[in-house]
Amino acid sequence: MLGLAHASLYYQPVGESAENVHLMRLLDTQYTATPFYGSRRMTAWLRSQGYAVNRKRVTRLMQQMGLEAIYTKPQLSQAAEGHAIYPYLLRGVKIERVNHVWSTDITYIRLQQGFIYLVAVIDWFSRYVLSWAVSITLDGSFCLEALENALRGGRPEIFNTDQGAQFTSRAFTERLRRGGIQISMDGRGRALDNVFVERLWRTVKYEEVYLREYNTVREAQQGLRRYFGFYNDERLHQALGYRTPTAVYRGLGQRCP
């Protein structure tokens, strides 16, 4: 498994005020509990907690964190200019075997005095985490690195992502195309199109991140490496017939009971 992008070894706290970092921690916790909250509701919620914030500030912080409410809405953001957008291929498709569909996503991981980003690649059928990486920025290189690491162990028929610039970049899509992999992308504002990764983020945060309160990037790396080992090899999933992701993924596509 991939752990940490090289640039992260030289991490310095991200340039946000202590107050904004505190607000981002609150937003992260609330978003994990209520992912359907957009900036308007988040602003109202923060005000109800006694924080004098306006919507413009909340919107900027949510964008910095990569948070977007889960519901269909107008296109408020676009992939990077010139990047190709592919159709969503998975509506109505029954996933019945490993390496049928892989997907990826990025989430915000809070530190005591800053934050980093986590990307993971997951097999939909088994819920197996094929690779992961953390970075101090949203530069697409750590996503490409995670993809390369996942592809060393296998190849999916379909790879699903959202329409973020990291995944619509020429480098990312061309790597998939060279591997003969079909590319699928979520509809804008439809995070549930990538529901298995969204569920993974909730699990990781409630069972690891919020319990540990990392001080440094290295602590986060160590904690996440330990947790993903537990998640793959020991954590029993009801949806998998109370088997582990590793047991299902290594079972060569056997049906879950």
C-alpha atoms as a PDB file:
ATOM      1  CA  MET A   1       0.000   0.000   0.000  1.00  0.00           C
ATOM      2  CA  LEU A   2       1.043   3.530  -0.696  1.00  0.00           C
ATOM      3  CA  GLY A   3       1.342   5.756   2.338  1.00  0.00           C
ATOM      4  CA  LEU A   4       2.701   9.261   1.930  1.00  0.00           C
ATOM      5  CA  ALA A   5       3.555  11.495  -1.012  1.00  0.00           C
ATOM      6  CA  HIS A   6       7.187  12.617  -0.865  1.00  0.00           C
ATOM      7  CA  ALA A   7       6.306  16.308  -0.583  1.00  0.00           C
ATOM      8  CA  SER A   8       4.387  15.604   2.615  1.00  0.00           C
ATOM      9  CA  LEU A   9       7.597  14.831   4.456  1.00  0.00           C
ATOM     10  CA  TYR A  10       8.324  18.552   4.378  1.00  0.00           C
ATOM     11  CA  TYR A  11       4.864  19.621   5.559  1.00  0.00           C
ATOM     12  CA  GLN A  12       4.396  22.990   7.145  1.00  0.00           C
ATOM     13  CA  PRO A  13       1.017  24.044   8.574  1.00  0.00           C
ATOM     14  CA  VAL A  14      -1.353  25.185   5.826  1.00  0.00           C
ATOM     15  CA  GLY A  15      -1.817  28.951   5.614  1.00  0.00           C
ATOM     16  CA  GLU A  16      -5.130  29.269   7.447  1.00  0.00           C
ATOM     17  CA  SER A  17      -5.695  31.124  10.684  1.00  0.00           C
ATOM     18  CA  ALA A  18      -6.223  29.140  13.878  1.00  0.00           C
ATOM     19  CA  GLU A  19      -9.857  30.252  13.836  1.00  0.00           C
ATOM     20  CA  ASN A  20     -10.387  28.972  10.290  1.00  0.00           C
ATOM     21  CA  VAL A  21      -8.679  25.664  11.089  1.00  0.00           C
ATOM     22  CA  HIS A  22     -11.076  25.308  14.042  1.00  0.00           C
ATOM     23  CA  LEU A  23     -14.050  26.057  11.798  1.00  0.00           C
ATOM     24  CA  MET A  24     -12.812  23.508   9.275  1.00  0.00           C
ATOM     25  CA  ARG A  25     -12.655  20.870  11.984  1.00  0.00           C
ATOM     26  CA  LEU A  26     -16.267  21.636  12.898  1.00  0.00           C
ATOM     27  CA  LEU A  27     -17.323  21.553   9.246  1.00  0.00           C
ATOM     28  CA  ASP A  28     -15.582  18.224   8.742  1.00  0.00           C
ATOM     29  CA  THR A  29     -17.375  16.621  11.688  1.00  0.00           C
ATOM     30  CA  GLN A  30     -20.774  18.018  10.712  1.00  0.00           C
ATOM     31  CA  TYR A  31     -20.368  17.116   7.034  1.00  0.00           C
ATOM     32  CA  THR A  32     -19.501  13.537   7.939  1.00  0.00           C
ATOM     33  CA  ALA A  33     -22.752  13.367   9.936  1.00  0.00           C
ATOM     34  CA  THR A  34     -24.874  15.330   7.418  1.00  0.00           C
ATOM     35  CA  PRO A  35     -23.266  15.125   3.943  1.00  0.00           C
ATOM     36  CA  PHE A  36     -26.390  16.697   2.411  1.00  0.00           C
ATOM     37  CA  TYR A  37     -25.610  20.052   4.066  1.00  0.00           C
ATOM     38  CA  GLY A  38     -24.451  22.673   1.577  1.00  0.00           C
ATOM     39  CA  SER A  39     -22.836  26.001   2.425  1.00  0.00           C
ATOM     40  CA  ARG A  40     -26.170  27.653   3.312  1.00  0.00           C
ATOM     41  CA  ARG A  41     -27.076  25.038   5.903  1.00  0.00           C
ATOM     42  CA  MET A  42     -23.510  24.826   7.177  1.00  0.00           C
ATOM     43  CA  THR A  43     -23.518  28.590   7.704  1.00  0.00           C
ATOM     44  CA  ALA A  44     -26.777  28.367   9.621  1.00  0.00           C
ATOM     45  CA  TRP A  45     -25.473  25.458  11.687  1.00  0.00           C
ATOM     46  CA  LEU A  46     -22.263  27.287  12.634  1.00  0.00           C
ATOM     47  CA  ARG A  47     -24.273  30.335  13.631  1.00  0.00           C
ATOM     48  CA  SER A  48     -26.475  28.123  15.808  1.00  0.00           C
ATOM     49  CA  GLN A  49     -23.285  27.011  17.557  1.00  0.00           C
ATOM     50  CA  GLY A  50     -22.372  30.621  18.317  1.00  0.00           C
ATOM     51  CA  TYR A  51     -19.934  31.356  15.456  1.00  0.00           C
ATOM     52  CA  ALA A  52     -20.370  34.676  13.629  1.00  0.00           C
ATOM     53  CA  VAL A  53     -19.661  33.532  10.061  1.00  0.00           C
ATOM     54  CA  ASN A  54     -21.026  34.519   6.682  1.00  0.00           C
ATOM     55  CA  ARG A  55     -21.812  32.186   3.805  1.00  0.00           C
ATOM     56  CA  LYS A  56     -18.929  33.435   1.658  1.00  0.00           C
ATOM     57  CA  ARG A  57     -16.413  32.375   4.291  1.00  0.00           C
ATOM     58  CA  VAL A  58     -18.063  28.986   4.815  1.00  0.00           C
ATOM     59  CA  THR A  59     -18.193  28.377   1.057  1.00  0.00           C
ATOM     60  CA  ARG A  60     -14.464  29.122   0.719  1.00  0.00           C
ATOM     61  CA  LEU A  61     -13.558  26.803   3.589  1.00  0.00           C
ATOM     62  CA  MET A  62     -15.731  23.997   2.206  1.00  0.00           C
ATOM     63  CA  GLN A  63     -14.097  24.391  -1.192  1.00  0.00           C
ATOM     64  CA  GLN A  64     -10.668  24.287   0.451  1.00  0.00           C
ATOM     65  CA  MET A  65     -11.706  21.026   2.110  1.00  0.00           C
ATOM     66  CA  GLY A  66     -13.227  19.554  -1.026  1.00  0.00           C
ATOM     67  CA  LEU A  67     -16.707  19.308   0.545  1.00  0.00           C
ATOM     68  CA  GLU A  68     -19.780  19.315  -1.666  1.00  0.00           C
ATOM     69  CA  ALA A  69     -23.331  18.576  -0.547  1.00  0.00           C
ATOM     70  CA  ILE A  70     -24.821  15.313  -1.799  1.00  0.00           C
ATOM     71  CA  TYR A  71     -27.788  16.263  -3.955  1.00  0.00           C
ATOM     72  CA  THR A  72     -28.413  17.083  -7.594  1.00  0.00           C
ATOM     73  CA  LYS A  73     -27.837  20.773  -8.278  1.00  0.00           C
ATOM     74  CA  PRO A  74     -26.632  23.161 -10.986  1.00  0.00           C
ATOM     75  CA  GLN A  75     -23.010  22.965 -12.103  1.00  0.00           C
ATOM     76  CA  LEU A  76     -21.275  25.243  -9.634  1.00  0.00           C
ATOM     77  CA  SER A  77     -17.766  24.116 -10.546  1.00  0.00           C
ATOM     78  CA  GLN A  78     -16.074  22.631 -13.554  1.00  0.00           C
ATOM     79  CA  ALA A  79     -13.216  20.288 -14.245  1.00  0.00           C
ATOM     80  CA  ALA A  80     -10.010  21.946 -15.339  1.00  0.00           C
ATOM     81  CA  GLU A  81     -10.232  23.599 -18.763  1.00  0.00           C
ATOM     82  CA  GLY A  82      -9.589  21.218 -21.644  1.00  0.00           C
ATOM     83  CA  HIS A  83     -10.056  18.062 -19.575  1.00  0.00           C
ATOM     84  CA  ALA A  84     -12.383  15.375 -20.892  1.00  0.00           C
ATOM     85  CA  ILE A  85     -15.554  14.391 -19.033  1.00  0.00           C
ATOM     86  CA  TYR A  86     -16.769  10.807 -19.403  1.00  0.00           C
ATOM     87  CA  PRO A  87     -20.324   9.508 -18.884  1.00  0.00           C
ATOM     88  CA  TYR A  88     -21.445   7.636 -15.771  1.00  0.00           C
ATOM     89  CA  LEU A  89     -21.488   3.953 -16.759  1.00  0.00           C
ATOM     90  CA  LEU A  90     -22.789   2.290 -13.600  1.00  0.00           C
ATOM     91  CA  ARG A  91     -26.450   3.240 -13.343  1.00  0.00           C
ATOM     92  CA  GLY A  92     -28.377  -0.025 -13.076  1.00  0.00           C
ATOM     93  CA  VAL A  93     -25.222  -2.156 -13.360  1.00  0.00           C
ATOM     94  CA  LYS A  94     -25.062  -5.115 -10.967  1.00  0.00           C
ATOM     95  CA  ILE A  95     -21.602  -5.574  -9.470  1.00  0.00           C
ATOM     96  CA  GLU A  96     -21.042  -9.315  -9.038  1.00  0.00           C
ATOM     97  CA  ARG A  97     -17.270  -9.868  -9.087  1.00  0.00           C
ATOM     98  CA  VAL A  98     -14.005  -8.372  -7.926  1.00  0.00           C
ATOM     99  CA  ASN A  99     -12.125  -6.102 -10.307  1.00  0.00           C
ATOM    100  CA  HIS A 100     -15.354  -5.268 -12.112  1.00  0.00           C
ATOM    101  CA  VAL A 101     -15.442  -1.690 -10.792  1.00  0.00           C
ATOM    102  CA  TRP A 102     -12.854   0.321  -8.920  1.00  0.00           C
ATOM    103  CA  SER A 103     -13.348   3.892  -7.792  1.00  0.00           C
ATOM    104  CA  THR A 104     -11.464   6.662  -6.051  1.00  0.00           C
ATOM    105  CA  ASP A 105     -12.076   9.878  -4.171  1.00  0.00           C
ATOM    106  CA  ILE A 106     -10.352  12.459  -1.972  1.00  0.00           C
ATOM    107  CA  THR A 107     -11.271  13.506   1.550  1.00  0.00           C
ATOM    108  CA  TYR A 108     -10.020  16.041   4.097  1.00  0.00           C
ATOM    109  CA  ILE A 109      -8.118  14.715   7.133  1.00  0.00           C
ATOM    110  CA  ARG A 110      -7.733  17.105  10.011  1.00  0.00           C
ATOM    111  CA  LEU A 111      -4.636  17.511  12.151  1.00  0.00           C
ATOM    112  CA  GLN A 112      -4.366  19.391  15.433  1.00  0.00           C
ATOM    113  CA  GLN A 113      -3.007  22.505  13.692  1.00  0.00           C
ATOM    114  CA  GLY A 114      -3.633  21.949  10.022  1.00  0.00           C
ATOM    115  CA  PHE A 115      -4.960  19.431   7.556  1.00  0.00           C
ATOM    116  CA  ILE A 116      -3.993  17.050   4.770  1.00  0.00           C
ATOM    117  CA  TYR A 117      -5.843  15.197   2.019  1.00  0.00           C
ATOM    118  CA  LEU A 118      -6.398  11.451   1.703  1.00  0.00           C
ATOM    119  CA  VAL A 119      -7.078   9.571  -1.547  1.00  0.00           C
ATOM    120  CA  ALA A 120      -8.023   5.896  -1.748  1.00  0.00           C
ATOM    121  CA  VAL A 121      -8.771   3.385  -4.508  1.00  0.00           C
ATOM    122  CA  ILE A 122     -11.438   0.797  -3.622  1.00  0.00           C
ATOM    123  CA  ASP A 123     -12.846  -2.319  -5.281  1.00  0.00           C
ATOM    124  CA  TRP A 124     -16.630  -1.983  -5.273  1.00  0.00           C
ATOM    125  CA  PHE A 125     -17.557  -5.657  -4.952  1.00  0.00           C
ATOM    126  CA  SER A 126     -15.268  -6.513  -2.026  1.00  0.00           C
ATOM    127  CA  ARG A 127     -14.889  -3.012  -0.494  1.00  0.00           C
ATOM    128  CA  TYR A 128     -11.156  -3.787  -0.495  1.00  0.00           C
ATOM    129  CA  VAL A 129      -8.903  -0.709  -0.276  1.00  0.00           C
ATOM    130  CA  LEU A 130      -6.361  -1.304  -3.038  1.00  0.00           C
ATOM    131  CA  SER A 131      -4.169   1.720  -2.307  1.00  0.00           C
ATOM    132  CA  TRP A 132      -4.154   5.056  -0.528  1.00  0.00           C
ATOM    133  CA  ALA A 133      -1.977   8.142  -0.167  1.00  0.00           C
ATOM    134  CA  VAL A 134      -1.942  11.456   1.658  1.00  0.00           C
ATOM    135  CA  SER A 135      -0.759  14.859   0.499  1.00  0.00           C
ATOM    136  CA  ILE A 136      -0.577  18.418   1.797  1.00  0.00           C
ATOM    137  CA  THR A 137      -2.129  19.827  -1.397  1.00  0.00           C
ATOM    138  CA  LEU A 138      -4.804  18.883  -3.912  1.00  0.00           C
ATOM    139  CA  ASP A 139      -2.217  18.556  -6.673  1.00  0.00           C
ATOM    140  CA  GLY A 140      -3.130  15.543  -8.789  1.00  0.00           C
ATOM    141  CA  SER A 141       0.239  13.800  -8.505  1.00  0.00           C
ATOM    142  CA  PHE A 142      -0.660  11.928  -5.316  1.00  0.00           C
ATOM    143  CA  CYS A 143      -3.854  10.624  -6.955  1.00  0.00           C
ATOM    144  CA  LEU A 144      -1.894   9.371  -9.946  1.00  0.00           C
ATOM    145  CA  GLU A 145       0.618   7.756  -7.596  1.00  0.00           C
ATOM    146  CA  ALA A 146      -2.216   5.935  -5.779  1.00  0.00           C
ATOM    147  CA  LEU A 147      -3.630   4.771  -9.115  1.00  0.00           C
ATOM    148  CA  GLU A 148      -0.263   3.407 -10.244  1.00  0.00           C
ATOM    149  CA  ASN A 149       0.139   1.549  -6.970  1.00  0.00           C
ATOM    150  CA  ALA A 150      -3.332  -0.020  -7.259  1.00  0.00           C
ATOM    151  CA  LEU A 151      -2.697  -1.120 -10.843  1.00  0.00           C
ATOM    152  CA  ARG A 152       0.393  -3.035  -9.793  1.00  0.00           C
ATOM    153  CA  GLY A 153      -1.905  -5.597  -8.185  1.00  0.00           C
ATOM    154  CA  GLY A 154      -4.634  -5.901 -10.808  1.00  0.00           C
ATOM    155  CA  ARG A 155      -6.842  -4.104 -13.293  1.00  0.00           C
ATOM    156  CA  PRO A 156     -10.555  -3.231 -13.218  1.00  0.00           C
ATOM    157  CA  GLU A 157     -12.961  -3.305 -16.129  1.00  0.00           C
ATOM    158  CA  ILE A 158     -14.406   0.096 -15.142  1.00  0.00           C
ATOM    159  CA  PHE A 159     -12.838   2.882 -13.075  1.00  0.00           C
ATOM    160  CA  ASN A 160     -15.229   5.449 -11.558  1.00  0.00           C
ATOM    161  CA  THR A 161     -14.332   8.928 -10.285  1.00  0.00           C
ATOM    162  CA  ASP A 162     -15.937  12.286  -9.710  1.00  0.00           C
ATOM    163  CA  GLN A 163     -15.321  15.205 -12.066  1.00  0.00           C
ATOM    164  CA  GLY A 164     -12.562  16.808 -10.023  1.00  0.00           C
ATOM    165  CA  ALA A 165      -9.537  18.197 -11.829  1.00  0.00           C
ATOM    166  CA  GLN A 166      -7.294  15.520 -10.282  1.00  0.00           C
ATOM    167  CA  PHE A 167      -9.279  12.764 -12.033  1.00  0.00           C
ATOM    168  CA  THR A 168     -10.165  14.512 -15.303  1.00  0.00           C
ATOM    169  CA  SER A 169      -6.528  15.427 -15.928  1.00  0.00           C
ATOM    170  CA  ARG A 170      -4.936  14.076 -19.087  1.00  0.00           C
ATOM    171  CA  ALA A 171      -2.303  12.182 -17.074  1.00  0.00           C
ATOM    172  CA  PHE A 172      -4.937  10.335 -15.025  1.00  0.00           C
ATOM    173  CA  THR A 173      -7.369   9.488 -17.818  1.00  0.00           C
ATOM    174  CA  GLU A 174      -4.631   8.503 -20.251  1.00  0.00           C
ATOM    175  CA  ARG A 175      -3.187   6.085 -17.693  1.00  0.00           C
ATOM    176  CA  LEU A 176      -6.590   4.385 -17.505  1.00  0.00           C
ATOM    177  CA  ARG A 177      -6.996   4.377 -21.274  1.00  0.00           C
ATOM    178  CA  ARG A 178      -3.548   2.826 -21.769  1.00  0.00           C
ATOM    179  CA  GLY A 179      -4.633   0.016 -19.473  1.00  0.00           C
ATOM    180  CA  GLY A 180      -7.744  -0.672 -21.545  1.00  0.00           C
ATOM    181  CA  ILE A 181      -9.984   0.436 -18.649  1.00  0.00           C
ATOM    182  CA  GLN A 182     -13.398   2.004 -19.218  1.00  0.00           C
ATOM    183  CA  ILE A 183     -13.699   5.411 -17.547  1.00  0.00           C
ATOM    184  CA  SER A 184     -16.868   6.363 -15.672  1.00  0.00           C
ATOM    185  CA  MET A 185     -17.493   9.719 -13.980  1.00  0.00           C
ATOM    186  CA  ASP A 186     -20.151  10.768 -11.492  1.00  0.00           C
ATOM    187  CA  GLY A 187     -22.767  13.285 -12.493  1.00  0.00           C
ATOM    188  CA  ARG A 188     -21.916  16.725 -11.138  1.00  0.00           C
ATOM    189  CA  GLY A 189     -23.261  17.086  -7.606  1.00  0.00           C
ATOM    190  CA  ARG A 190     -24.128  13.368  -7.355  1.00  0.00           C
ATOM    191  CA  ALA A 191     -21.717  12.041  -4.744  1.00  0.00           C
ATOM    192  CA  LEU A 192     -23.938   8.986  -4.263  1.00  0.00           C
ATOM    193  CA  ASP A 193     -22.790   7.820  -7.699  1.00  0.00           C
ATOM    194  CA  ASN A 194     -19.586   6.913  -5.826  1.00  0.00           C
ATOM    195  CA  VAL A 195     -21.389   5.677  -2.728  1.00  0.00           C
ATOM    196  CA  PHE A 196     -18.911   2.997  -1.633  1.00  0.00           C
ATOM    197  CA  VAL A 197     -16.079   5.501  -1.259  1.00  0.00           C
ATOM    198  CA  GLU A 198     -18.396   7.915   0.565  1.00  0.00           C
ATOM    199  CA  ARG A 199     -19.220   5.126   3.024  1.00  0.00           C
ATOM    200  CA  LEU A 200     -15.509   4.359   3.404  1.00  0.00           C
ATOM    201  CA  TRP A 201     -14.781   7.969   4.387  1.00  0.00           C
ATOM    202  CA  ARG A 202     -17.463   7.906   7.099  1.00  0.00           C
ATOM    203  CA  THR A 203     -16.048   4.646   8.460  1.00  0.00           C
ATOM    204  CA  VAL A 204     -12.441   5.876   8.441  1.00  0.00           C
ATOM    205  CA  LYS A 205     -13.328   9.114  10.194  1.00  0.00           C
ATOM    206  CA  TYR A 206     -15.583   7.679  12.889  1.00  0.00           C
ATOM    207  CA  GLU A 207     -13.432   4.634  13.616  1.00  0.00           C
ATOM    208  CA  GLU A 208      -9.970   6.191  13.258  1.00  0.00           C
ATOM    209  CA  VAL A 209      -9.484   9.906  12.552  1.00  0.00           C
ATOM    210  CA  TYR A 210     -11.833  11.375  15.162  1.00  0.00           C
ATOM    211  CA  LEU A 211     -10.560   8.979  17.826  1.00  0.00           C
ATOM    212  CA  ARG A 212      -6.854   9.660  17.277  1.00  0.00           C
ATOM    213  CA  GLU A 213      -6.577  13.447  16.773  1.00  0.00           C
ATOM    214  CA  TYR A 214      -3.307  13.370  14.836  1.00  0.00           C
ATOM    215  CA  ASN A 215      -0.686  16.008  15.622  1.00  0.00           C
ATOM    216  CA  THR A 216       1.536  15.534  12.577  1.00  0.00           C
ATOM    217  CA  VAL A 217       1.445  14.180   9.045  1.00  0.00           C
ATOM    218  CA  ARG A 218       3.607  11.265  10.117  1.00  0.00           C
ATOM    219  CA  GLU A 219       1.153  10.380  12.890  1.00  0.00           C
ATOM    220  CA  ALA A 220      -1.668  10.498  10.359  1.00  0.00           C
ATOM    221  CA  GLN A 221       0.275   8.275   7.982  1.00  0.00           C
ATOM    222  CA  GLN A 222       0.989   5.727  10.693  1.00  0.00           C
ATOM    223  CA  GLY A 223      -2.586   5.764  11.974  1.00  0.00           C
ATOM    224  CA  LEU A 224      -4.108   5.384   8.533  1.00  0.00           C
ATOM    225  CA  ARG A 225      -1.717   2.582   7.591  1.00  0.00           C
ATOM    226  CA  ARG A 226      -2.689   0.733  10.755  1.00  0.00           C
ATOM    227  CA  TYR A 227      -6.390   1.354  10.194  1.00  0.00           C
ATOM    228  CA  PHE A 228      -6.481   0.306   6.539  1.00  0.00           C
ATOM    229  CA  GLY A 229      -4.695  -2.916   7.506  1.00  0.00           C
ATOM    230  CA  PHE A 230      -7.435  -3.540  10.076  1.00  0.00           C
ATOM    231  CA  TYR A 231     -10.168  -2.502   7.646  1.00  0.00           C
ATOM    232  CA  ASN A 232      -9.021  -4.880   4.910  1.00  0.00           C
ATOM    233  CA  ASP A 233      -7.876  -7.848   6.963  1.00  0.00           C
ATOM    234  CA  GLU A 234      -9.920  -7.873  10.192  1.00  0.00           C
ATOM    235  CA  ARG A 235     -13.055  -5.714  10.013  1.00  0.00           C
ATOM    236  CA  LEU A 236     -16.112  -7.862   9.267  1.00  0.00           C
ATOM    237  CA  HIS A 237     -18.677  -6.313   6.898  1.00  0.00           C
ATOM    238  CA  GLN A 238     -22.332  -7.198   7.185  1.00  0.00           C
ATOM    239  CA  ALA A 239     -22.811  -6.562   3.443  1.00  0.00           C
ATOM    240  CA  LEU A 240     -20.061  -9.107   2.746  1.00  0.00           C
ATOM    241  CA  GLY A 241     -21.703 -11.861   4.792  1.00  0.00           C
ATOM    242  CA  TYR A 242     -19.568 -10.907   7.805  1.00  0.00           C
ATOM    243  CA  ARG A 243     -16.348 -11.521   5.908  1.00  0.00           C
ATOM    244  CA  THR A 244     -13.432  -9.160   5.502  1.00  0.00           C
ATOM    245  CA  PRO A 245     -12.674  -7.240   2.297  1.00  0.00           C
ATOM    246  CA  THR A 246      -9.431  -9.205   1.934  1.00  0.00           C
ATOM    247  CA  ALA A 247     -11.260 -12.546   2.185  1.00  0.00           C
ATOM    248  CA  VAL A 248     -13.730 -11.524  -0.519  1.00  0.00           C
ATOM    249  CA  TYR A 249     -11.159  -9.857  -2.781  1.00  0.00           C
ATOM    250  CA  ARG A 250      -8.792 -12.826  -2.590  1.00  0.00           C
ATOM    251  CA  GLY A 251     -11.703 -15.228  -3.096  1.00  0.00           C
ATOM    252  CA  LEU A 252     -11.481 -14.708  -6.859  1.00  0.00           C
ATOM    253  CA  GLY A 253     -14.923 -13.237  -7.281  1.00  0.00           C
ATOM    254  CA  GLN A 254     -17.042 -15.696  -5.275  1.00  0.00           C
ATOM    255  CA  ARG A 255     -20.508 -14.425  -4.425  1.00  0.00           C
ATOM    256  CA  CYS A 256     -21.162 -13.212  -0.924  1.00  0.00           C
ATOM    257  CA  PRO A 257     -23.691 -15.385   0.930  1.00  0.00           C
END
